[in-house]
Amino acid sequence: MSDDDEFVETMRRNEEAIQRVQDAAAKGVKIPLFDDILAEIRQSNEFLARILKLLESRPH
């Protein structure tokens, strides 16, 4: 798996994690630090997206 593929896969898993947390919250599950968890996952995805963009712009 290339670095690009690995970053995309991690971002996909992060998005799935966000969805699971939101689904659980919608069902009334109490999740400590809910907003903090989502913010951390989103921040991770933003960071990975920047790295991916840098990798894509590198000379091949």
Protein backbone atom coordinates (compact mmCIF):
# COMPACT_ATOMS: atom_id res chain seq x y z
CA MET A 1 0.00 0.00 0.00
CA SER A 2 1.44 3.36 -1.00
CA ASP A 3 1.60 6.34 1.35
CA ASP A 4 -1.22 7.96 -0.64
CA ASP A 5 -3.42 4.87 -0.26
CA GLU A 6 -2.63 4.63 3.43
CA PHE A 7 -3.61 8.27 4.05
CA VAL A 8 -6.84 7.86 2.08
CA GLU A 9 -7.67 4.68 3.99
CA THR A 10 -7.01 6.38 7.33
CA MET A 11 -9.22 9.30 6.33
CA ARG A 12 -11.97 6.86 5.31
CA ARG A 13 -11.72 5.08 8.68
CA ASN A 14 -11.84 8.44 10.47
CA GLU A 15 -15.02 9.37 8.60
CA GLU A 16 -16.53 6.00 9.57
CA ALA A 17 -15.58 6.65 13.19
CA ILE A 18 -17.28 10.04 13.08
CA GLN A 19 -20.42 8.42 11.69
CA ARG A 20 -20.44 5.70 14.39
CA VAL A 21 -20.06 8.30 17.15
CA GLN A 22 -22.83 10.45 15.65
CA ASP A 23 -25.11 7.40 15.23
CA ALA A 24 -24.55 6.38 18.84
CA ALA A 25 -25.27 9.90 20.06
CA ALA A 26 -28.45 10.00 17.96
CA LYS A 27 -29.60 6.83 19.72
CA GLY A 28 -29.12 8.54 23.07
CA VAL A 29 -25.83 6.92 24.02
CA LYS A 30 -23.97 9.24 26.35
CA ILE A 31 -20.45 9.72 25.02
CA PRO A 32 -18.03 11.58 27.29
CA LEU A 33 -16.15 14.32 25.45
CA PHE A 34 -18.28 13.76 22.32
CA ASP A 35 -17.40 17.10 20.72
CA ASP A 36 -13.72 16.69 21.61
CA ILE A 37 -13.62 13.26 19.97
CA LEU A 38 -15.18 14.54 16.76
CA ALA A 39 -12.88 17.56 16.68
CA GLU A 40 -9.80 15.36 17.06
CA ILE A 41 -10.91 13.02 14.27
CA ARG A 42 -11.69 15.93 11.96
CA GLN A 43 -8.36 17.57 12.76
CA SER A 44 -6.61 14.30 11.93
CA ASN A 45 -8.39 14.15 8.57
CA GLU A 46 -7.45 17.76 7.78
CA PHE A 47 -3.82 16.98 8.59
CA LEU A 48 -3.87 13.83 6.46
CA ALA A 49 -5.47 15.74 3.58
CA ARG A 50 -2.64 18.30 3.69
CA ILE A 51 -0.02 15.54 3.69
CA LEU A 52 -1.77 13.77 0.82
CA LYS A 53 -1.84 17.00 -1.18
CA LEU A 54 1.91 17.42 -0.60
CA LEU A 55 2.55 13.82 -1.64
CA GLU A 56 0.48 14.27 -4.79
CA SER A 57 2.42 17.39 -5.74
CA ARG A 58 5.83 15.72 -5.43
CA PRO A 59 7.73 14.88 -8.59
CA HIS A 60 7.17 11.31 -9.73
